[in-house]
Amino acid sequence: MIKIEHLVKNYGTNCAVDDVSFEVKKGEIVGLLGPNGAGKSTTMNILTGYLSATSGSVSIAGFDVLDHPQEAKKHVGYLPEQPPLYMDMTVEEYLIFNYNLKGCKLNRTKHLEEICDVVKIRDVYHRVIKNLSKGYRQRVGIAQALIGSPEVIIFDEPTVGLDPKQIIEVRNLLRNLGKDHTVILSTHILQEVQAVCDRIVIINKGKIVADELTENITRAVENTRRFQLKICGPQKEVLAMLRAKPGIVYAEVLPARDGDAYTYVIESEIGVDIRKTLFYSLADRNWPLVGMEALGMSLEDIFIAIVDQTSGKKKYERRDPKSRSAKGRVGTEQAVAKNILEKTSTEKEQFSALFGDHSDEDKN
């Protein structure tokens, strides 16, 4: 449905979009992520025909945006971060204005009623827009994007400024739209992407640094794969046992100690619950297990790690998920997990330095 090939956009000597290529299939919901200034809005403005590219091509429903702009735009509905509303119009007047502007051929009354039902604005249909809450204004903006039933809908920060209840309602709306439309969603709210999108594309400094299915990029969130352990026993022997144990792909000792217990971090193979067998192995050697904590990894952690690694530190390698080696993926996840552990340990040390260690008081 959408095909972008070697897209480049320069503003003088500044390259805002640098050789971006990706496709979006029909019925797919894609989340476009990236830090401020990464090139997301520029990419979307080129997709909608608002900006022209320096080089490269963009086609929507088979129509090139540059060569056939009118045909391409007929297939696109767009909601910018600030909805283009006319505050002195009623909702009805505004939607009829957009209906006429788009040259829509569908039955006007029936079509607008269906849209109002989808975005739930029937009860404010005859009200003046300036008198509506921000949540309702956002819904009106979404409604104008749906006029003409376009195959492609592009949203730029659709839930910005909404309250939690309104955010949930808009997310549910986006999921429903994905059943019949191709949707591109740009947002800074990573939980939104995780809840709504089938695929995630991350842009940093004008380049695509990650392009993955949501289920693949969030696989590192699985709590049963990473653990922090506290084990009483000879450090070298314990570490050697952990590294040699089937089902464990990574093991390292941390500097933190709790009495005669050393702290270790381990990672198990995908789909392997290592907890019971590890407990029995330690018991057989008379090495008491005095603590076990599951380590989660949020989408925010993954996003920050990828952006940091692609900011001149380490290049993220885009590959077909089917051909991606487990060793390479595990290595990336281990690096992210190590960063999170180091950050957590540092925060604990800073807290203890400021307020003292109250562990003994808690025991009493």
Protein backbone atom coordinates (compact mmCIF):
# COMPACT_ATOMS: atom_id res chain seq x y z
CA MET A 1 0.00 0.00 0.00
CA ILE A 2 2.87 2.39 0.86
CA LYS A 3 6.31 2.10 -0.67
CA ILE A 4 9.20 4.40 0.20
CA GLU A 5 12.50 3.97 -1.66
CA HIS A 6 15.79 5.74 -0.87
CA LEU A 7 14.03 8.84 0.42
CA VAL A 8 16.28 11.87 1.03
CA LYS A 9 15.32 15.36 2.21
CA ASN A 10 17.89 18.11 2.64
CA TYR A 11 17.39 21.55 4.17
CA GLY A 12 20.49 23.31 2.91
CA THR A 13 23.42 21.41 4.37
CA ASN A 14 21.22 19.62 6.92
CA CYS A 15 20.01 16.15 5.92
CA ALA A 16 16.68 15.57 7.69
CA VAL A 17 15.91 12.25 5.98
CA ASP A 18 18.85 10.12 4.83
CA ASP A 19 18.17 7.22 2.44
CA VAL A 20 14.99 5.90 4.13
CA SER A 21 13.31 2.84 2.60
CA PHE A 22 10.42 0.75 3.91
CA GLU A 23 7.04 -0.63 2.88
CA VAL A 24 3.70 -0.82 4.67
CA LYS A 25 1.26 -3.52 3.66
CA LYS A 26 -2.51 -3.22 3.45
CA GLY A 27 -4.18 -3.49 6.86
CA GLU A 28 -0.92 -3.02 8.77
CA ILE A 29 -0.52 -0.59 11.69
CA VAL A 30 3.04 0.76 11.82
CA GLY A 31 4.48 2.86 14.63
CA LEU A 32 7.03 5.47 13.58
CA LEU A 33 9.33 6.27 16.50
CA GLY A 34 12.36 8.46 17.04
CA PRO A 35 13.74 11.26 19.20
CA ASN A 36 12.92 14.90 18.44
CA GLY A 37 14.53 16.00 15.18
CA ALA A 38 14.94 12.42 13.95
CA GLY A 39 13.02 13.04 10.69
CA LYS A 40 9.62 11.50 11.51
CA SER A 41 7.48 14.57 10.73
CA THR A 42 9.45 15.31 7.57
CA THR A 43 8.86 11.75 6.36
CA MET A 44 5.13 12.04 7.02
CA ASN A 45 4.92 15.45 5.32
CA ILE A 46 6.51 13.92 2.23
CA LEU A 47 4.08 10.97 2.40
CA THR A 48 1.11 13.35 2.43
CA GLY A 49 2.50 15.47 -0.41
CA TYR A 50 3.00 18.53 1.80
CA LEU A 51 6.76 18.49 1.14
CA SER A 52 8.74 17.34 -1.86
CA ALA A 53 11.71 15.03 -1.46
CA THR A 54 15.25 15.93 -2.51
CA SER A 55 15.56 12.46 -4.03
CA GLY A 56 13.95 9.03 -3.82
CA SER A 57 10.35 8.04 -4.39
CA VAL A 58 7.12 7.56 -2.44
CA SER A 59 4.09 5.72 -3.81
CA ILE A 60 0.68 5.21 -2.22
CA ALA A 61 -1.74 2.63 -3.62
CA GLY A 62 0.52 2.45 -6.68
CA PHE A 63 0.52 6.20 -7.36
CA ASP A 64 3.75 8.17 -7.11
CA VAL A 65 3.25 11.14 -4.78
CA LEU A 66 5.37 13.43 -7.00
CA ASP A 67 4.13 12.31 -10.44
CA HIS A 68 0.46 11.81 -9.54
CA PRO A 69 -0.14 13.91 -6.42
CA GLN A 70 -3.92 14.22 -6.74
CA GLU A 71 -4.47 10.49 -7.20
CA ALA A 72 -2.12 9.63 -4.33
CA LYS A 73 -3.77 12.12 -1.94
CA LYS A 74 -7.20 10.62 -2.61
CA HIS A 75 -6.03 7.52 -0.78
CA VAL A 76 -4.66 9.35 2.28
CA GLY A 77 -6.27 10.71 5.44
CA TYR A 78 -3.99 12.78 7.67
CA LEU A 79 -4.21 14.05 11.24
CA PRO A 80 -1.31 16.38 12.13
CA GLU A 81 -0.26 16.97 15.73
CA GLN A 82 -2.39 20.13 15.79
CA PRO A 83 -5.73 19.22 14.15
CA PRO A 84 -6.66 21.71 11.38
CA LEU A 85 -9.91 22.88 12.92
CA TYR A 86 -11.99 26.00 12.24
CA MET A 87 -13.07 27.00 15.72
CA ASP A 88 -16.09 29.09 14.70
CA MET A 89 -17.69 26.24 12.75
CA THR A 90 -19.94 23.60 14.24
CA VAL A 91 -18.77 20.01 13.95
CA GLU A 92 -21.41 19.42 11.28
CA GLU A 93 -20.30 22.44 9.23
CA TYR A 94 -16.65 21.46 9.53
CA LEU A 95 -17.18 17.86 8.39
CA ILE A 96 -19.39 18.96 5.46
CA PHE A 97 -16.68 21.48 4.49
CA ASN A 98 -14.08 18.69 4.44
CA TYR A 99 -16.46 16.38 2.58
CA ASN A 100 -16.84 18.95 -0.21
CA LEU A 101 -13.14 19.85 -0.17
CA LYS A 102 -12.17 16.20 -0.77
CA GLY A 103 -14.72 15.78 -3.54
CA CYS A 104 -16.21 12.77 -1.78
CA LYS A 105 -18.74 10.80 -3.85
CA LEU A 106 -20.24 8.73 -1.02
CA ASN A 107 -23.72 9.50 0.31
CA ARG A 108 -22.95 12.50 2.50
CA THR A 109 -25.51 12.05 5.27
CA LYS A 110 -24.92 8.33 5.70
CA HIS A 111 -21.12 8.62 5.41
CA LEU A 112 -20.80 11.38 8.01
CA GLU A 113 -23.17 9.57 10.37
CA GLU A 114 -21.01 6.43 10.14
CA ILE A 115 -17.86 8.44 10.89
CA CYS A 116 -19.50 10.16 13.86
CA ASP A 117 -20.49 6.75 15.24
CA VAL A 118 -16.93 5.43 14.82
CA VAL A 119 -15.27 8.36 16.63
CA LYS A 120 -18.22 8.88 19.02
CA ILE A 121 -19.01 12.56 18.36
CA ARG A 122 -22.74 12.28 17.68
CA ASP A 123 -23.60 14.09 20.90
CA VAL A 124 -21.53 17.17 19.89
CA TYR A 125 -22.41 17.16 16.18
CA HIS A 126 -24.22 20.50 16.31
CA ARG A 127 -21.90 22.24 18.77
CA VAL A 128 -19.32 24.93 17.91
CA ILE A 129 -15.80 23.46 17.87
CA LYS A 130 -14.25 26.15 20.09
CA ASN A 131 -16.62 25.10 22.88
CA LEU A 132 -15.47 21.46 22.80
CA SER A 133 -12.93 19.84 25.13
CA LYS A 134 -9.50 18.90 23.76
CA GLY A 135 -10.52 15.26 23.64
CA TYR A 136 -13.54 15.99 21.46
CA ARG A 137 -11.50 18.31 19.23
CA GLN A 138 -9.04 15.47 18.69
CA ARG A 139 -11.91 13.19 17.73
CA VAL A 140 -13.19 15.78 15.24
CA GLY A 141 -9.69 15.88 13.75
CA ILE A 142 -9.73 12.11 13.40
CA ALA A 143 -13.17 12.31 11.81
CA GLN A 144 -11.95 14.65 9.06
CA ALA A 145 -9.11 12.23 8.32
CA LEU A 146 -11.64 9.43 7.79
CA ILE A 147 -13.81 11.34 5.30
CA GLY A 148 -13.75 9.62 1.92
CA SER A 149 -12.81 6.29 3.59
CA PRO A 150 -9.11 6.53 2.58
CA GLU A 151 -7.07 3.31 2.46
CA VAL A 152 -4.14 4.99 4.25
CA ILE A 153 -4.46 7.02 7.47
CA ILE A 154 -1.50 8.88 8.98
CA PHE A 155 -1.59 10.11 12.58
CA ASP A 156 0.97 12.42 14.15
CA GLU A 157 0.77 12.30 17.99
CA PRO A 158 -2.99 11.51 18.04
CA THR A 159 -3.25 11.32 21.87
CA VAL A 160 -1.11 14.30 22.88
CA GLY A 161 -2.73 16.29 25.67
CA LEU A 162 -5.55 13.81 26.29
CA ASP A 163 -6.51 12.43 29.69
CA PRO A 164 -6.03 8.68 30.43
CA LYS A 165 -9.64 7.77 29.61
CA GLN A 166 -9.50 9.63 26.29
CA ILE A 167 -6.15 8.00 25.45
CA ILE A 168 -7.62 4.52 25.94
CA GLU A 169 -10.61 5.41 23.73
CA VAL A 170 -8.37 6.73 20.93
CA ARG A 171 -6.16 3.63 21.15
CA ASN A 172 -9.20 1.39 20.80
CA LEU A 173 -10.29 3.49 17.81
CA LEU A 174 -6.87 3.08 16.17
CA ARG A 175 -6.99 -0.69 16.63
CA ASN A 176 -10.42 -0.81 15.00
CA LEU A 177 -9.27 1.37 12.11
CA GLY A 178 -6.43 -1.08 11.46
CA LYS A 179 -8.97 -3.73 10.48
CA ASP A 180 -9.99 -1.82 7.33
CA HIS A 181 -7.19 0.72 6.80
CA THR A 182 -3.42 0.96 6.60
CA VAL A 183 -2.29 3.12 9.51
CA ILE A 184 0.98 4.96 10.24
CA LEU A 185 1.22 6.27 13.78
CA SER A 186 3.91 8.66 14.98
CA THR A 187 4.13 9.14 18.73
CA HIS A 188 6.48 9.60 21.69
CA ILE A 189 4.31 7.38 23.91
CA LEU A 190 5.96 3.98 23.57
CA GLN A 191 3.22 2.12 25.44
CA GLU A 192 0.84 3.36 22.77
CA VAL A 193 2.92 1.76 20.04
CA GLN A 194 3.20 -1.47 21.99
CA ALA A 195 -0.57 -1.57 22.54
CA VAL A 196 -1.67 -0.67 19.01
CA CYS A 197 0.98 -1.34 16.34
CA ASP A 198 1.84 -4.51 14.41
CA ARG A 199 5.28 -3.19 13.51
CA ILE A 200 7.75 -0.61 14.77
CA VAL A 201 10.08 1.56 12.66
CA ILE A 202 12.62 3.62 14.63
CA ILE A 203 14.31 6.61 12.96
CA ASN A 204 17.38 8.36 14.37
CA LYS A 205 19.28 11.19 12.68
CA GLY A 206 17.31 10.69 9.47
CA LYS A 207 18.08 6.96 9.15
CA ILE A 208 16.07 3.85 9.94
CA VAL A 209 17.84 2.13 12.81
CA ALA A 210 15.25 -0.57 13.56
CA ASP A 211 12.40 -2.14 11.62
CA GLU A 212 10.78 -5.02 13.51
CA LEU A 213 7.48 -6.67 14.29
CA THR A 214 6.26 -5.43 17.66
CA GLU A 215 6.31 -8.95 19.10
CA ASN A 216 9.97 -9.31 18.12
CA ILE A 217 11.21 -5.96 19.40
CA THR A 218 9.45 -6.46 22.73
CA ARG A 219 10.57 -10.06 23.22
CA ALA A 220 13.21 -8.77 25.61
CA VAL A 221 10.42 -7.79 27.99
CA GLU A 222 9.88 -11.44 28.99
CA ASN A 223 10.50 -11.52 32.76
CA THR A 224 11.18 -15.25 32.91
CA ARG A 225 14.36 -14.95 30.85
CA ARG A 226 16.48 -12.69 33.09
CA PHE A 227 17.14 -13.04 36.79
CA GLN A 228 19.29 -11.48 39.44
CA LEU A 229 20.40 -14.13 41.96
CA LYS A 230 22.00 -14.00 45.40
CA ILE A 231 23.90 -17.22 46.12
CA CYS A 232 26.07 -18.21 49.10
CA GLY A 233 29.05 -20.17 47.84
CA PRO A 234 32.51 -19.92 46.27
CA GLN A 235 32.19 -17.22 43.62
CA LYS A 236 34.30 -18.82 40.87
CA GLU A 237 32.70 -22.25 41.26
CA VAL A 238 29.17 -20.84 41.32
CA LEU A 239 29.80 -18.74 38.21
CA ALA A 240 31.35 -21.71 36.38
CA MET A 241 28.32 -23.86 37.24
CA LEU A 242 25.89 -21.19 36.02
CA ARG A 243 27.72 -20.76 32.72
CA ALA A 244 27.89 -24.51 32.12
CA LYS A 245 24.27 -25.28 33.05
CA PRO A 246 22.03 -26.25 30.09
CA GLY A 247 19.37 -23.64 29.42
CA ILE A 248 21.47 -20.66 30.58
CA VAL A 249 22.94 -18.58 27.75
CA TYR A 250 24.53 -15.82 29.84
CA ALA A 251 25.84 -15.51 33.40
CA GLU A 252 27.90 -12.81 35.11
CA VAL A 253 28.80 -11.88 38.66
CA LEU A 254 28.06 -8.34 39.91
CA PRO A 255 30.10 -6.38 42.46
CA ALA A 256 27.17 -6.16 44.90
CA ARG A 257 27.30 -8.49 47.96
CA ASP A 258 24.85 -9.36 50.72
CA GLY A 259 26.87 -10.80 53.60
CA ASP A 260 28.49 -13.99 52.29
CA ALA A 261 26.19 -14.05 49.23
CA TYR A 262 27.40 -12.89 45.81
CA THR A 263 25.04 -11.36 43.25
CA TYR A 264 24.76 -12.87 39.76
CA VAL A 265 22.72 -12.06 36.67
CA ILE A 266 21.68 -14.87 34.34
CA GLU A 267 19.66 -15.18 31.13
CA SER A 268 17.91 -18.36 30.02
CA GLU A 269 17.13 -19.63 26.54
CA ILE A 270 13.85 -18.54 24.97
CA GLY A 271 11.00 -20.68 26.26
CA VAL A 272 13.05 -22.25 29.08
CA ASP A 273 12.02 -21.77 32.71
CA ILE A 274 15.31 -22.30 34.52
CA ARG A 275 14.14 -21.61 38.08
CA LYS A 276 13.30 -25.10 39.39
CA THR A 277 16.29 -26.94 37.89
CA LEU A 278 18.62 -24.17 39.05
CA PHE A 279 17.25 -24.43 42.61
CA TYR A 280 17.90 -28.19 42.73
CA SER A 281 21.40 -27.79 41.26
CA LEU A 282 22.34 -25.27 43.95
CA ALA A 283 20.78 -27.40 46.70
CA ASP A 284 22.80 -30.46 45.60
CA ARG A 285 25.99 -28.43 46.11
CA ASN A 286 24.84 -26.95 49.42
CA TRP A 287 24.95 -23.40 47.97
CA PRO A 288 21.98 -21.55 49.52
CA LEU A 289 19.90 -19.43 47.15
CA VAL A 290 18.95 -16.44 49.31
CA GLY A 291 17.45 -14.21 46.62
CA MET A 292 15.98 -14.36 43.10
CA GLU A 293 14.53 -11.37 41.27
CA ALA A 294 13.07 -11.33 37.75
CA LEU A 295 14.45 -8.50 35.62
CA GLY A 296 11.99 -6.89 33.22
CA MET A 297 12.92 -4.76 30.22
CA SER A 298 10.49 -2.14 29.01
CA LEU A 299 10.04 -0.86 25.48
CA GLU A 300 11.52 2.45 26.71
CA ASP A 301 14.75 0.61 27.63
CA ILE A 302 14.90 -1.04 24.20
CA PHE A 303 14.19 2.25 22.41
CA ILE A 304 16.88 4.14 24.36
CA ALA A 305 19.40 1.34 23.83
CA ILE A 306 18.84 1.26 20.06
CA VAL A 307 19.02 5.06 19.73
CA ASP A 308 22.19 5.18 21.85
CA GLN A 309 23.82 2.38 19.87
CA THR A 310 23.07 4.17 16.59
CA SER A 311 24.33 7.58 17.72
CA GLY A 312 27.90 6.89 16.66
CA LYS A 313 28.43 4.10 19.19
CA LYS A 314 27.25 0.94 17.49
CA LYS A 315 25.25 0.40 14.31
CA TYR A 316 21.99 -1.54 14.57
CA GLU A 317 21.87 -4.19 11.85
CA ARG A 318 18.54 -4.60 10.12
CA ARG A 319 17.90 -8.17 9.04
CA ASP A 320 15.04 -10.48 8.19
CA PRO A 321 13.64 -11.74 11.53
CA LYS A 322 13.54 -15.31 10.12
CA SER A 323 17.25 -15.26 9.31
CA ARG A 324 18.35 -13.38 12.42
CA SER A 325 20.74 -15.46 14.49
CA ALA A 326 19.84 -16.13 18.10
CA LYS A 327 23.41 -15.37 19.12
CA GLY A 328 23.29 -11.85 17.65
CA ARG A 329 19.93 -11.04 19.17
CA VAL A 330 20.88 -12.42 22.58
CA GLY A 331 24.08 -10.36 22.49
CA THR A 332 22.08 -7.19 21.90
CA GLU A 333 19.64 -8.02 24.67
CA GLN A 334 22.49 -8.84 27.06
CA ALA A 335 24.05 -5.43 26.43
CA VAL A 336 20.73 -3.70 27.12
CA ALA A 337 20.18 -5.79 30.27
CA LYS A 338 23.67 -4.99 31.53
CA ASN A 339 23.04 -1.25 31.05
CA ILE A 340 19.79 -1.47 33.02
CA LEU A 341 21.46 -3.41 35.83
CA GLU A 342 24.33 -0.94 36.05
CA LYS A 343 21.85 1.97 36.11
CA THR A 344 19.82 0.31 38.90
CA SER A 345 22.94 -0.47 40.96
CA THR A 346 24.18 3.11 40.59
CA GLU A 347 20.84 4.52 41.74
CA LYS A 348 20.88 2.25 44.81
CA GLU A 349 24.44 3.31 45.67
CA GLN A 350 23.51 7.00 45.33
CA PHE A 351 20.49 6.48 47.61
CA SER A 352 22.62 4.72 50.24
CA ALA A 353 25.24 7.47 50.09
CA LEU A 354 22.58 10.12 50.75
CA PHE A 355 20.38 8.34 53.30
CA GLY A 356 22.48 5.43 54.59
CA ASP A 357 21.85 1.71 54.35
CA HIS A 358 18.71 0.81 56.30
CA SER A 359 18.77 -2.91 55.53
CA ASP A 360 19.68 -3.83 59.14
CA GLU A 361 16.93 -1.59 60.52
CA ASP A 362 14.39 -3.26 58.21
CA LYS A 363 15.38 -6.66 59.54
CA ASN A 364 14.78 -5.49 63.10
